[in-house]
Amino acid sequence: MAKRKTGWPFQEGFILERTQETHVFTDYRWNDGSVSRRWHVDRESFDIKLVTVRQISLKLSYGPDQ
């Protein structure tokens, strides 16, 4: 039986225009070591230099606000 391919998001890209924030893409790391990007908007519709990249942590927070 083949190993099932699974992926986890590790970073996202956003553009802030005035007071509107647009989620542009999400990058995924797969259990085979590969990386892929899922686009949420048309790549030609924005300037890539305006994108802010944020890291994603999938660790659970057990703080007092949970």
PDB file of N, CA and C in Angstrom:
ATOM      1  N   MET A   1       0.827  -1.174   0.000  1.00  0.00           N
ATOM      2  CA  MET A   1       0.000   0.000   0.000  1.00  0.00           C
ATOM      3  C   MET A   1       0.880   1.248   0.000  1.00  0.00           C
ATOM      4  N   ALA A   2       0.552   2.230  -0.848  1.00  0.00           N
ATOM      5  CA  ALA A   2       1.349   3.454  -0.979  1.00  0.00           C
ATOM      6  C   ALA A   2       1.079   4.402   0.191  1.00  0.00           C
ATOM      7  N   LYS A   3       2.097   5.141   0.550  1.00  0.00           N
ATOM      8  CA  LYS A   3       1.963   6.120   1.622  1.00  0.00           C
ATOM      9  C   LYS A   3       1.103   7.281   1.132  1.00  0.00           C
ATOM     10  N   ARG A   4       0.160   7.697   1.927  1.00  0.00           N
ATOM     11  CA  ARG A   4      -0.741   8.781   1.558  1.00  0.00           C
ATOM     12  C   ARG A   4      -0.006  10.121   1.657  1.00  0.00           C
ATOM     13  N   LYS A   5      -0.169  10.963   0.638  1.00  0.00           N
ATOM     14  CA  LYS A   5       0.473  12.274   0.610  1.00  0.00           C
ATOM     15  C   LYS A   5      -0.386  13.264   1.397  1.00  0.00           C
ATOM     16  N   THR A   6       0.229  13.904   2.387  1.00  0.00           N
ATOM     17  CA  THR A   6      -0.460  14.898   3.189  1.00  0.00           C
ATOM     18  C   THR A   6       0.370  16.172   3.232  1.00  0.00           C
ATOM     19  N   GLY A   7      -0.297  17.301   3.404  1.00  0.00           N
ATOM     20  CA  GLY A   7       0.399  18.582   3.427  1.00  0.00           C
ATOM     21  C   GLY A   7      -0.090  19.466   4.556  1.00  0.00           C
ATOM     22  N   TRP A   8       0.781  20.387   4.975  1.00  0.00           N
ATOM     23  CA  TRP A   8       0.470  21.326   6.047  1.00  0.00           C
ATOM     24  C   TRP A   8       0.822  22.724   5.580  1.00  0.00           C
ATOM     25  N   PRO A   9      -0.052  23.702   5.838  1.00  0.00           N
ATOM     26  CA  PRO A   9       0.284  25.081   5.484  1.00  0.00           C
ATOM     27  C   PRO A   9       1.416  25.585   6.367  1.00  0.00           C
ATOM     28  N   PHE A  10       2.363  26.336   5.773  1.00  0.00           N
ATOM     29  CA  PHE A  10       3.447  26.866   6.583  1.00  0.00           C
ATOM     30  C   PHE A  10       3.651  28.363   6.415  1.00  0.00           C
ATOM     31  N   GLN A  11       3.066  28.958   5.355  1.00  0.00           N
ATOM     32  CA  GLN A  11       3.106  30.408   5.233  1.00  0.00           C
ATOM     33  C   GLN A  11       1.999  30.885   4.310  1.00  0.00           C
ATOM     34  N   GLU A  12       1.612  32.162   4.518  1.00  0.00           N
ATOM     35  CA  GLU A  12       0.556  32.762   3.719  1.00  0.00           C
ATOM     36  C   GLU A  12       1.008  34.135   3.257  1.00  0.00           C
ATOM     37  N   GLY A  13       0.459  34.580   2.133  1.00  0.00           N
ATOM     38  CA  GLY A  13       0.757  35.910   1.617  1.00  0.00           C
ATOM     39  C   GLY A  13      -0.489  36.777   1.645  1.00  0.00           C
ATOM     40  N   PHE A  14      -0.314  38.031   2.065  1.00  0.00           N
ATOM     41  CA  PHE A  14      -1.416  38.984   2.160  1.00  0.00           C
ATOM     42  C   PHE A  14      -1.011  40.307   1.530  1.00  0.00           C
ATOM     43  N   ILE A  15      -1.998  41.024   0.999  1.00  0.00           N
ATOM     44  CA  ILE A  15      -1.797  42.391   0.531  1.00  0.00           C
ATOM     45  C   ILE A  15      -2.742  43.275   1.329  1.00  0.00           C
ATOM     46  N   LEU A  16      -2.208  44.377   1.873  1.00  0.00           N
ATOM     47  CA  LEU A  16      -3.015  45.348   2.599  1.00  0.00           C
ATOM     48  C   LEU A  16      -3.186  46.569   1.708  1.00  0.00           C
ATOM     49  N   GLU A  17      -4.418  46.836   1.314  1.00  0.00           N
ATOM     50  CA  GLU A  17      -4.750  47.996   0.497  1.00  0.00           C
ATOM     51  C   GLU A  17      -5.708  48.863   1.294  1.00  0.00           C
ATOM     52  N   ARG A  18      -5.197  50.015   1.751  1.00  0.00           N
ATOM     53  CA  ARG A  18      -5.947  50.900   2.640  1.00  0.00           C
ATOM     54  C   ARG A  18      -6.359  50.129   3.892  1.00  0.00           C
ATOM     55  N   THR A  19      -7.631  49.839   4.066  1.00  0.00           N
ATOM     56  CA  THR A  19      -8.072  49.093   5.242  1.00  0.00           C
ATOM     57  C   THR A  19      -8.500  47.672   4.902  1.00  0.00           C
ATOM     58  N   GLN A  20      -8.339  47.274   3.651  1.00  0.00           N
ATOM     59  CA  GLN A  20      -8.748  45.942   3.186  1.00  0.00           C
ATOM     60  C   GLN A  20      -7.529  45.025   3.074  1.00  0.00           C
ATOM     61  N   GLU A  21      -7.588  43.869   3.723  1.00  0.00           N
ATOM     62  CA  GLU A  21      -6.521  42.875   3.615  1.00  0.00           C
ATOM     63  C   GLU A  21      -7.004  41.726   2.733  1.00  0.00           C
ATOM     64  N   THR A  22      -6.201  41.367   1.732  1.00  0.00           N
ATOM     65  CA  THR A  22      -6.554  40.293   0.808  1.00  0.00           C
ATOM     66  C   THR A  22      -5.599  39.127   0.988  1.00  0.00           C
ATOM     67  N   HIS A  23      -6.160  37.924   1.188  1.00  0.00           N
ATOM     68  CA  HIS A  23      -5.370  36.701   1.305  1.00  0.00           C
ATOM     69  C   HIS A  23      -5.019  36.260  -0.115  1.00  0.00           C
ATOM     70  N   VAL A  24      -3.738  36.298  -0.471  1.00  0.00           N
ATOM     71  CA  VAL A  24      -3.284  36.069  -1.842  1.00  0.00           C
ATOM     72  C   VAL A  24      -2.937  34.608  -2.097  1.00  0.00           C
ATOM     73  N   PHE A  25      -2.188  33.980  -1.195  1.00  0.00           N
ATOM     74  CA  PHE A  25      -1.787  32.584  -1.386  1.00  0.00           C
ATOM     75  C   PHE A  25      -1.521  31.900  -0.066  1.00  0.00           C
ATOM     76  N   THR A  26      -1.481  30.575  -0.117  1.00  0.00           N
ATOM     77  CA  THR A  26      -1.052  29.734   1.006  1.00  0.00           C
ATOM     78  C   THR A  26      -0.039  28.738   0.476  1.00  0.00           C
ATOM     79  N   ASP A  27       1.095  28.609   1.146  1.00  0.00           N
ATOM     80  CA  ASP A  27       2.120  27.628   0.782  1.00  0.00           C
ATOM     81  C   ASP A  27       1.994  26.410   1.679  1.00  0.00           C
ATOM     82  N   TYR A  28       2.117  25.221   1.064  1.00  0.00           N
ATOM     83  CA  TYR A  28       1.992  23.953   1.783  1.00  0.00           C
ATOM     84  C   TYR A  28       3.281  23.157   1.657  1.00  0.00           C
ATOM     85  N   ARG A  29       3.674  22.509   2.747  1.00  0.00           N
ATOM     86  CA  ARG A  29       4.803  21.567   2.735  1.00  0.00           C
ATOM     87  C   ARG A  29       4.210  20.174   2.860  1.00  0.00           C
ATOM     88  N   TRP A  30       4.597  19.280   1.944  1.00  0.00           N
ATOM     89  CA  TRP A  30       4.052  17.928   1.881  1.00  0.00           C
ATOM     90  C   TRP A  30       4.993  16.945   2.548  1.00  0.00           C
ATOM     91  N   ASN A  31       4.449  15.805   2.966  1.00  0.00           N
ATOM     92  CA  ASN A  31       5.249  14.810   3.683  1.00  0.00           C
ATOM     93  C   ASN A  31       6.300  14.136   2.806  1.00  0.00           C
ATOM     94  N   ASP A  32       6.300  14.409   1.497  1.00  0.00           N
ATOM     95  CA  ASP A  32       7.371  13.901   0.633  1.00  0.00           C
ATOM     96  C   ASP A  32       8.479  14.933   0.435  1.00  0.00           C
ATOM     97  N   GLY A  33       8.385  16.088   1.140  1.00  0.00           N
ATOM     98  CA  GLY A  33       9.406  17.129   1.062  1.00  0.00           C
ATOM     99  C   GLY A  33       9.114  18.219   0.040  1.00  0.00           C
ATOM    100  N   SER A  34       8.107  18.037  -0.795  1.00  0.00           N
ATOM    101  CA  SER A  34       7.791  19.038  -1.807  1.00  0.00           C
ATOM    102  C   SER A  34       6.987  20.190  -1.213  1.00  0.00           C
ATOM    103  N   VAL A  35       6.972  21.307  -1.919  1.00  0.00           N
ATOM    104  CA  VAL A  35       6.242  22.508  -1.514  1.00  0.00           C
ATOM    105  C   VAL A  35       5.357  22.931  -2.674  1.00  0.00           C
ATOM    106  N   SER A  36       4.136  23.370  -2.367  1.00  0.00           N
ATOM    107  CA  SER A  36       3.250  23.883  -3.408  1.00  0.00           C
ATOM    108  C   SER A  36       2.546  25.129  -2.899  1.00  0.00           C
ATOM    109  N   ARG A  37       2.070  25.937  -3.830  1.00  0.00           N
ATOM    110  CA  ARG A  37       1.390  27.188  -3.496  1.00  0.00           C
ATOM    111  C   ARG A  37      -0.019  27.144  -4.051  1.00  0.00           C
ATOM    112  N   ARG A  38      -0.996  27.464  -3.202  1.00  0.00           N
ATOM    113  CA  ARG A  38      -2.390  27.582  -3.634  1.00  0.00           C
ATOM    114  C   ARG A  38      -2.730  29.060  -3.714  1.00  0.00           C
ATOM    115  N   TRP A  39      -3.054  29.514  -4.934  1.00  0.00           N
ATOM    116  CA  TRP A  39      -3.404  30.915  -5.161  1.00  0.00           C
ATOM    117  C   TRP A  39      -4.870  31.133  -4.870  1.00  0.00           C
ATOM    118  N   HIS A  40      -5.183  32.235  -4.184  1.00  0.00           N
ATOM    119  CA  HIS A  40      -6.560  32.584  -3.865  1.00  0.00           C
ATOM    120  C   HIS A  40      -7.066  33.721  -4.748  1.00  0.00           C
ATOM    121  N   VAL A  41      -6.166  34.376  -5.481  1.00  0.00           N
ATOM    122  CA  VAL A  41      -6.515  35.441  -6.421  1.00  0.00           C
ATOM    123  C   VAL A  41      -5.713  35.220  -7.704  1.00  0.00           C
ATOM    124  N   ASP A  42      -6.082  35.909  -8.751  1.00  0.00           N
ATOM    125  CA  ASP A  42      -5.354  35.835 -10.020  1.00  0.00           C
ATOM    126  C   ASP A  42      -3.953  36.428  -9.837  1.00  0.00           C
ATOM    127  N   ARG A  43      -2.940  35.694 -10.209  1.00  0.00           N
ATOM    128  CA  ARG A  43      -1.547  36.130 -10.030  1.00  0.00           C
ATOM    129  C   ARG A  43      -1.220  37.411 -10.779  1.00  0.00           C
ATOM    130  N   GLU A  44      -1.933  37.684 -11.857  1.00  0.00           N
ATOM    131  CA  GLU A  44      -1.669  38.863 -12.679  1.00  0.00           C
ATOM    132  C   GLU A  44      -2.370  40.113 -12.158  1.00  0.00           C
ATOM    133  N   SER A  45      -3.184  39.980 -11.115  1.00  0.00           N
ATOM    134  CA  SER A  45      -4.008  41.102 -10.667  1.00  0.00           C
ATOM    135  C   SER A  45      -3.362  41.956  -9.572  1.00  0.00           C
ATOM    136  N   PHE A  46      -2.110  41.672  -9.193  1.00  0.00           N
ATOM    137  CA  PHE A  46      -1.460  42.437  -8.136  1.00  0.00           C
ATOM    138  C   PHE A  46       0.042  42.458  -8.359  1.00  0.00           C
ATOM    139  N   ASP A  47       0.723  43.359  -7.672  1.00  0.00           N
ATOM    140  CA  ASP A  47       2.176  43.469  -7.710  1.00  0.00           C
ATOM    141  C   ASP A  47       2.754  42.609  -6.583  1.00  0.00           C
ATOM    142  N   ILE A  48       3.533  41.614  -6.925  1.00  0.00           N
ATOM    143  CA  ILE A  48       4.083  40.669  -5.947  1.00  0.00           C
ATOM    144  C   ILE A  48       4.933  41.378  -4.886  1.00  0.00           C
ATOM    145  N   LYS A  49       5.479  42.546  -5.206  1.00  0.00           N
ATOM    146  CA  LYS A  49       6.300  43.283  -4.246  1.00  0.00           C
ATOM    147  C   LYS A  49       5.476  43.820  -3.075  1.00  0.00           C
ATOM    148  N   LEU A  50       4.159  43.864  -3.225  1.00  0.00           N
ATOM    149  CA  LEU A  50       3.282  44.372  -2.171  1.00  0.00           C
ATOM    150  C   LEU A  50       2.830  43.293  -1.186  1.00  0.00           C
ATOM    151  N   VAL A  51       3.191  42.043  -1.452  1.00  0.00           N
ATOM    152  CA  VAL A  51       2.745  40.932  -0.620  1.00  0.00           C
ATOM    153  C   VAL A  51       3.564  40.845   0.668  1.00  0.00           C
ATOM    154  N   THR A  52       2.867  40.696   1.778  1.00  0.00           N
ATOM    155  CA  THR A  52       3.487  40.439   3.076  1.00  0.00           C
ATOM    156  C   THR A  52       3.321  38.951   3.378  1.00  0.00           C
ATOM    157  N   VAL A  53       4.434  38.272   3.645  1.00  0.00           N
ATOM    158  CA  VAL A  53       4.400  36.833   3.932  1.00  0.00           C
ATOM    159  C   VAL A  53       4.424  36.629   5.434  1.00  0.00           C
ATOM    160  N   ARG A  54       3.505  35.782   5.905  1.00  0.00           N
ATOM    161  CA  ARG A  54       3.421  35.452   7.333  1.00  0.00           C
ATOM    162  C   ARG A  54       3.591  33.953   7.519  1.00  0.00           C
ATOM    163  N   GLN A  55       4.381  33.586   8.497  1.00  0.00           N
ATOM    164  CA  GLN A  55       4.577  32.182   8.842  1.00  0.00           C
ATOM    165  C   GLN A  55       3.359  31.674   9.598  1.00  0.00           C
ATOM    166  N   ILE A  56       3.051  30.406   9.426  1.00  0.00           N
ATOM    167  CA  ILE A  56       1.947  29.764  10.129  1.00  0.00           C
ATOM    168  C   ILE A  56       2.524  28.751  11.093  1.00  0.00           C
ATOM    169  N   SER A  57       2.014  28.770  12.315  1.00  0.00           N
ATOM    170  CA  SER A  57       2.385  27.765  13.292  1.00  0.00           C
ATOM    171  C   SER A  57       1.156  26.921  13.589  1.00  0.00           C
ATOM    172  N   LEU A  58       1.278  25.625  13.462  1.00  0.00           N
ATOM    173  CA  LEU A  58       0.168  24.728  13.738  1.00  0.00           C
ATOM    174  C   LEU A  58       0.217  24.176  15.153  1.00  0.00           C
ATOM    175  N   LYS A  59       1.084  24.712  15.985  1.00  0.00           N
ATOM    176  CA  LYS A  59       1.171  24.267  17.369  1.00  0.00           C
ATOM    177  C   LYS A  59      -0.021  24.813  18.142  1.00  0.00           C
ATOM    178  N   LEU A  60      -0.584  23.991  18.992  1.00  0.00           N
ATOM    179  CA  LEU A  60      -1.719  24.401  19.801  1.00  0.00           C
ATOM    180  C   LEU A  60      -1.270  25.337  20.919  1.00  0.00           C
ATOM    181  N   SER A  61      -2.087  26.344  21.149  1.00  0.00           N
ATOM    182  CA  SER A  61      -1.833  27.262  22.241  1.00  0.00           C
ATOM    183  C   SER A  61      -2.700  26.867  23.416  1.00  0.00           C
ATOM    184  N   TYR A  62      -2.092  26.719  24.565  1.00  0.00           N
ATOM    185  CA  TYR A  62      -2.838  26.352  25.762  1.00  0.00           C
ATOM    186  C   TYR A  62      -2.879  27.514  26.755  1.00  0.00           C
ATOM    187  N   GLY A  63      -2.925  28.738  26.226  1.00  0.00           N
ATOM    188  CA  GLY A  63      -2.949  29.916  27.073  1.00  0.00           C
ATOM    189  C   GLY A  63      -4.269  30.079  27.800  1.00  0.00           C
ATOM    190  N   PRO A  64      -4.339  31.066  28.686  1.00  0.00           N
ATOM    191  CA  PRO A  64      -5.544  31.276  29.494  1.00  0.00           C
ATOM    192  C   PRO A  64      -6.763  31.706  28.668  1.00  0.00           C
ATOM    193  N   ASP A  65      -6.555  32.185  27.447  1.00  0.00           N
ATOM    194  CA  ASP A  65      -7.676  32.640  26.620  1.00  0.00           C
ATOM    195  C   ASP A  65      -8.311  31.506  25.823  1.00  0.00           C
ATOM    196  N   GLN A  66      -7.867  30.282  26.019  1.00  0.00           N
ATOM    197  CA  GLN A  66      -8.406  29.157  25.262  1.00  0.00           C
ATOM    198  C   GLN A  66      -9.600  28.556  25.941  1.00  0.00           C
TER     199      GLN A  66
END
